[in-house]
Amino acid sequence: MISDHETVCFCSNVTAGDIRRAKSEGARTLDDIRRMTGACTIGRCKELSPRGR
């Protein structure tokens, strides 16, 4: 399992914990998660990720 502190969206600096928290607060779709966390909204994760993916 990914730790709550691990970054999963590098362009918006969103962690796994942020996504889990959004789900516990009612997010049910990817669009809900995007709205609540800002994840996947800039589109530069591959470029900014230290893993390059």
C-alpha atoms as a PDB file:
ATOM      1  CA  MET A   1       0.000   0.000   0.000  1.00  0.00           C
ATOM      2  CA  ILE A   2       1.205   3.497  -0.786  1.00  0.00           C
ATOM      3  CA  SER A   3       1.847   5.626   2.309  1.00  0.00           C
ATOM      4  CA  ASP A   4      -0.311   8.694   2.916  1.00  0.00           C
ATOM      5  CA  HIS A   5       2.767  10.904   2.520  1.00  0.00           C
ATOM      6  CA  GLU A   6       3.779   9.630  -0.925  1.00  0.00           C
ATOM      7  CA  THR A   7       3.234  12.097  -3.741  1.00  0.00           C
ATOM      8  CA  VAL A   8       1.041  10.684  -6.491  1.00  0.00           C
ATOM      9  CA  CYS A   9       0.462  13.879  -8.500  1.00  0.00           C
ATOM     10  CA  PHE A  10       3.685  15.807  -8.934  1.00  0.00           C
ATOM     11  CA  CYS A  11       2.274  18.739 -10.888  1.00  0.00           C
ATOM     12  CA  SER A  12      -0.149  19.644  -8.090  1.00  0.00           C
ATOM     13  CA  ASN A  13       1.820  18.083  -5.188  1.00  0.00           C
ATOM     14  CA  VAL A  14      -1.074  15.806  -4.175  1.00  0.00           C
ATOM     15  CA  THR A  15      -0.379  12.871  -1.868  1.00  0.00           C
ATOM     16  CA  ALA A  16      -2.085   9.515  -1.528  1.00  0.00           C
ATOM     17  CA  GLY A  17      -3.415  10.768   1.811  1.00  0.00           C
ATOM     18  CA  ASP A  18      -5.038  13.761   0.097  1.00  0.00           C
ATOM     19  CA  ILE A  19      -6.869  11.400  -2.248  1.00  0.00           C
ATOM     20  CA  ARG A  20      -7.916   9.069   0.577  1.00  0.00           C
ATOM     21  CA  ARG A  21      -9.194  12.076   2.540  1.00  0.00           C
ATOM     22  CA  ALA A  22     -11.208  13.299  -0.469  1.00  0.00           C
ATOM     23  CA  LYS A  23     -12.761   9.836  -0.794  1.00  0.00           C
ATOM     24  CA  SER A  24     -13.668   9.799   2.899  1.00  0.00           C
ATOM     25  CA  GLU A  25     -15.248  13.247   2.447  1.00  0.00           C
ATOM     26  CA  GLY A  26     -17.495  12.025  -0.357  1.00  0.00           C
ATOM     27  CA  ALA A  27     -15.496  11.929  -3.595  1.00  0.00           C
ATOM     28  CA  ARG A  28     -16.863   9.133  -5.762  1.00  0.00           C
ATOM     29  CA  THR A  29     -15.445   9.846  -9.217  1.00  0.00           C
ATOM     30  CA  LEU A  30     -12.112  10.950 -10.640  1.00  0.00           C
ATOM     31  CA  ASP A  31     -13.689  14.327 -11.374  1.00  0.00           C
ATOM     32  CA  ASP A  32     -14.682  14.623  -7.693  1.00  0.00           C
ATOM     33  CA  ILE A  33     -11.099  13.852  -6.653  1.00  0.00           C
ATOM     34  CA  ARG A  34      -9.738  16.387  -9.145  1.00  0.00           C
ATOM     35  CA  ARG A  35     -12.068  19.090  -7.851  1.00  0.00           C
ATOM     36  CA  MET A  36     -11.322  18.363  -4.194  1.00  0.00           C
ATOM     37  CA  THR A  37      -7.532  17.902  -4.420  1.00  0.00           C
ATOM     38  CA  GLY A  38      -6.372  19.580  -7.621  1.00  0.00           C
ATOM     39  CA  ALA A  39      -4.799  16.295  -8.761  1.00  0.00           C
ATOM     40  CA  CYS A  40      -4.262  15.811 -12.503  1.00  0.00           C
ATOM     41  CA  THR A  41      -5.282  19.355 -13.351  1.00  0.00           C
ATOM     42  CA  ILE A  42      -1.997  20.784 -14.636  1.00  0.00           C
ATOM     43  CA  GLY A  43      -0.856  17.811 -16.715  1.00  0.00           C
ATOM     44  CA  ARG A  44       2.893  17.989 -16.031  1.00  0.00           C
ATOM     45  CA  CYS A  45       3.281  14.961 -13.728  1.00  0.00           C
ATOM     46  CA  LYS A  46       5.440  12.979 -16.139  1.00  0.00           C
ATOM     47  CA  GLU A  47       7.745  15.953 -16.608  1.00  0.00           C
ATOM     48  CA  LEU A  48       7.959  16.771 -12.872  1.00  0.00           C
ATOM     49  CA  SER A  49       8.080  13.206 -11.516  1.00  0.00           C
ATOM     50  CA  PRO A  50      11.542  12.074 -10.412  1.00  0.00           C
ATOM     51  CA  ARG A  51      10.649   8.702 -11.971  1.00  0.00           C
ATOM     52  CA  GLY A  52       9.805  10.285 -15.320  1.00  0.00           C
ATOM     53  CA  ARG A  53       6.386   8.602 -15.503  1.00  0.00           C
END
